[in-house]
Amino acid sequence: MTREELTRLTGNGNGTCGKDDCPHVYVSPSGSIIVQGDVSTAFQPPVGEGLVEIPEAVLREAFRALGW
């Protein structure tokens, strides 16, 4: 899957971070939620999984975009 296949729910690209390196929430064509954020070391997840941290405001923006 490529980034172009995802629908970005957060950010308008006018923030202080680079074009593609901000915390964001996406929806895949199948309806899955994909989260981009800073890698977290809160605990060691199972093999094949990862942890990311994103600001609460980013999740709130995604929920609004989804109408939740």
N, C-alpha and C. Protein backbone atom coordinates (compact mmCIF):
# COMPACT_ATOMS: atom_id res chain seq x y z
N MET A 1 0.86 -1.17 0.00
CA MET A 1 0.00 0.00 0.00
C MET A 1 0.90 1.24 0.00
N THR A 2 0.51 2.25 -0.72
CA THR A 2 1.27 3.50 -0.76
C THR A 2 0.50 4.59 -0.03
N ARG A 3 1.21 5.64 0.35
CA ARG A 3 0.57 6.78 1.02
C ARG A 3 -0.54 7.38 0.16
N GLU A 4 -0.35 7.36 -1.14
CA GLU A 4 -1.35 7.93 -2.05
C GLU A 4 -2.67 7.18 -2.03
N GLU A 5 -2.66 5.94 -1.59
CA GLU A 5 -3.88 5.14 -1.50
C GLU A 5 -4.67 5.43 -0.22
N LEU A 6 -4.08 6.18 0.71
CA LEU A 6 -4.71 6.48 1.99
C LEU A 6 -5.43 7.82 1.94
N THR A 7 -6.47 7.96 2.75
CA THR A 7 -7.14 9.24 2.93
C THR A 7 -6.65 9.84 4.22
N ARG A 8 -6.01 11.01 4.14
CA ARG A 8 -5.50 11.67 5.34
C ARG A 8 -6.63 12.42 6.03
N LEU A 9 -6.79 12.15 7.32
CA LEU A 9 -7.87 12.76 8.09
C LEU A 9 -7.41 13.99 8.86
N THR A 10 -6.10 14.16 9.04
CA THR A 10 -5.61 15.25 9.87
C THR A 10 -4.56 16.07 9.14
N GLY A 11 -4.44 17.32 9.55
CA GLY A 11 -3.41 18.21 9.03
C GLY A 11 -3.72 18.76 7.66
N ASN A 12 -3.34 20.00 7.48
CA ASN A 12 -3.57 20.64 6.19
C ASN A 12 -2.26 20.97 5.48
N GLY A 13 -1.14 20.52 6.06
CA GLY A 13 0.15 20.76 5.45
C GLY A 13 0.70 22.16 5.70
N ASN A 14 0.01 22.97 6.48
CA ASN A 14 0.45 24.33 6.74
C ASN A 14 1.09 24.51 8.11
N GLY A 15 1.39 23.40 8.78
CA GLY A 15 1.98 23.48 10.12
C GLY A 15 3.47 23.77 10.06
N THR A 16 4.13 23.63 11.20
CA THR A 16 5.55 23.94 11.27
C THR A 16 6.43 22.74 10.95
N CYS A 17 5.85 21.58 10.76
CA CYS A 17 6.65 20.40 10.43
C CYS A 17 6.71 20.24 8.92
N GLY A 18 7.52 19.27 8.48
CA GLY A 18 7.67 19.04 7.05
C GLY A 18 6.40 18.47 6.43
N LYS A 19 6.43 18.32 5.14
CA LYS A 19 5.25 17.90 4.38
C LYS A 19 4.67 16.56 4.84
N ASP A 20 5.53 15.57 5.10
CA ASP A 20 5.02 14.23 5.40
C ASP A 20 5.48 13.68 6.74
N ASP A 21 6.05 14.52 7.63
CA ASP A 21 6.62 13.98 8.86
C ASP A 21 5.85 14.37 10.12
N CYS A 22 4.67 14.90 10.00
CA CYS A 22 3.86 15.27 11.17
C CYS A 22 3.07 14.05 11.66
N PRO A 23 2.63 14.06 12.92
CA PRO A 23 1.69 13.02 13.33
C PRO A 23 0.40 13.17 12.52
N HIS A 24 -0.06 12.07 11.95
CA HIS A 24 -1.29 12.10 11.16
C HIS A 24 -2.09 10.82 11.37
N VAL A 25 -3.36 10.89 11.04
CA VAL A 25 -4.23 9.73 11.04
C VAL A 25 -4.78 9.58 9.63
N TYR A 26 -4.75 8.36 9.12
CA TYR A 26 -5.21 8.05 7.78
C TYR A 26 -6.27 6.95 7.84
N VAL A 27 -7.05 6.83 6.77
CA VAL A 27 -7.97 5.70 6.59
C VAL A 27 -7.53 4.98 5.32
N SER A 28 -7.41 3.65 5.42
CA SER A 28 -7.04 2.85 4.27
C SER A 28 -8.28 2.58 3.41
N PRO A 29 -8.09 2.12 2.17
CA PRO A 29 -9.23 1.79 1.33
C PRO A 29 -10.16 0.74 1.95
N SER A 30 -9.61 -0.11 2.83
CA SER A 30 -10.45 -1.14 3.48
C SER A 30 -11.14 -0.61 4.74
N GLY A 31 -10.84 0.66 5.13
CA GLY A 31 -11.47 1.24 6.31
C GLY A 31 -10.65 1.17 7.57
N SER A 32 -9.45 0.60 7.51
CA SER A 32 -8.58 0.54 8.68
C SER A 32 -7.99 1.91 8.98
N ILE A 33 -7.74 2.17 10.25
CA ILE A 33 -7.11 3.42 10.67
C ILE A 33 -5.60 3.19 10.72
N ILE A 34 -4.84 4.11 10.14
CA ILE A 34 -3.39 4.05 10.15
C ILE A 34 -2.89 5.33 10.81
N VAL A 35 -2.00 5.17 11.80
CA VAL A 35 -1.51 6.29 12.59
C VAL A 35 -0.02 6.49 12.33
N GLN A 36 0.38 7.73 12.09
CA GLN A 36 1.79 8.10 11.94
C GLN A 36 2.14 8.98 13.12
N GLY A 37 3.24 8.69 13.78
CA GLY A 37 3.66 9.51 14.90
C GLY A 37 5.06 9.15 15.35
N ASP A 38 5.49 9.76 16.43
CA ASP A 38 6.81 9.49 16.97
C ASP A 38 6.84 8.09 17.57
N VAL A 39 7.92 7.38 17.38
CA VAL A 39 8.08 6.05 17.95
C VAL A 39 8.12 6.16 19.47
N SER A 40 7.35 5.30 20.13
CA SER A 40 7.29 5.28 21.59
C SER A 40 8.07 4.10 22.13
N THR A 41 8.67 4.30 23.29
CA THR A 41 9.38 3.21 23.97
C THR A 41 8.70 2.88 25.30
N ALA A 42 7.37 3.13 25.38
CA ALA A 42 6.63 2.90 26.62
C ALA A 42 6.73 1.45 27.09
N PHE A 43 6.70 0.50 26.16
CA PHE A 43 6.90 -0.91 26.47
C PHE A 43 7.25 -1.62 25.18
N GLN A 44 7.71 -2.85 25.28
CA GLN A 44 8.08 -3.63 24.10
C GLN A 44 6.84 -4.36 23.58
N PRO A 45 6.34 -3.98 22.40
CA PRO A 45 5.17 -4.66 21.84
C PRO A 45 5.55 -6.02 21.26
N PRO A 46 4.57 -6.85 20.97
CA PRO A 46 4.86 -8.15 20.36
C PRO A 46 5.57 -7.99 19.01
N VAL A 47 6.27 -9.02 18.59
CA VAL A 47 6.95 -9.03 17.31
C VAL A 47 5.96 -8.71 16.19
N GLY A 48 6.35 -7.82 15.31
CA GLY A 48 5.49 -7.45 14.20
C GLY A 48 4.60 -6.26 14.49
N GLU A 49 4.61 -5.75 15.72
CA GLU A 49 3.81 -4.59 16.09
C GLU A 49 4.73 -3.45 16.52
N GLY A 50 4.20 -2.24 16.54
CA GLY A 50 4.97 -1.09 16.97
C GLY A 50 4.09 -0.13 17.75
N LEU A 51 4.72 0.79 18.46
CA LEU A 51 4.01 1.80 19.24
C LEU A 51 4.35 3.17 18.67
N VAL A 52 3.34 4.03 18.54
CA VAL A 52 3.59 5.42 18.16
C VAL A 52 2.86 6.32 19.13
N GLU A 53 3.37 7.53 19.28
CA GLU A 53 2.72 8.54 20.10
C GLU A 53 2.23 9.65 19.19
N ILE A 54 0.98 10.06 19.38
CA ILE A 54 0.46 11.20 18.64
C ILE A 54 -0.27 12.11 19.61
N PRO A 55 -0.27 13.41 19.37
CA PRO A 55 -0.94 14.34 20.26
C PRO A 55 -2.46 14.12 20.27
N GLU A 56 -3.09 14.36 21.41
CA GLU A 56 -4.54 14.23 21.54
C GLU A 56 -5.26 15.07 20.49
N ALA A 57 -4.75 16.26 20.21
CA ALA A 57 -5.40 17.14 19.24
C ALA A 57 -5.48 16.49 17.85
N VAL A 58 -4.49 15.69 17.51
CA VAL A 58 -4.51 15.01 16.21
C VAL A 58 -5.64 13.98 16.17
N LEU A 59 -5.81 13.23 17.25
CA LEU A 59 -6.92 12.26 17.30
C LEU A 59 -8.27 12.96 17.27
N ARG A 60 -8.40 14.06 18.00
CA ARG A 60 -9.67 14.81 17.98
C ARG A 60 -10.00 15.30 16.58
N GLU A 61 -8.98 15.77 15.85
CA GLU A 61 -9.19 16.23 14.48
C GLU A 61 -9.64 15.07 13.60
N ALA A 62 -9.03 13.90 13.78
CA ALA A 62 -9.43 12.73 12.99
C ALA A 62 -10.86 12.31 13.31
N PHE A 63 -11.24 12.34 14.59
CA PHE A 63 -12.61 11.98 14.97
C PHE A 63 -13.61 12.94 14.33
N ARG A 64 -13.28 14.23 14.33
CA ARG A 64 -14.17 15.21 13.69
C ARG A 64 -14.30 14.93 12.19
N ALA A 65 -13.18 14.60 11.55
CA ALA A 65 -13.21 14.31 10.12
C ALA A 65 -14.08 13.10 9.80
N LEU A 66 -14.10 12.14 10.72
CA LEU A 66 -14.91 10.92 10.54
C LEU A 66 -16.35 11.13 11.00
N GLY A 67 -16.64 12.27 11.63
CA GLY A 67 -18.00 12.52 12.12
C GLY A 67 -18.31 11.79 13.41
N TRP A 68 -17.27 11.43 14.18
CA TRP A 68 -17.48 10.69 15.44
C TRP A 68 -17.71 11.61 16.57
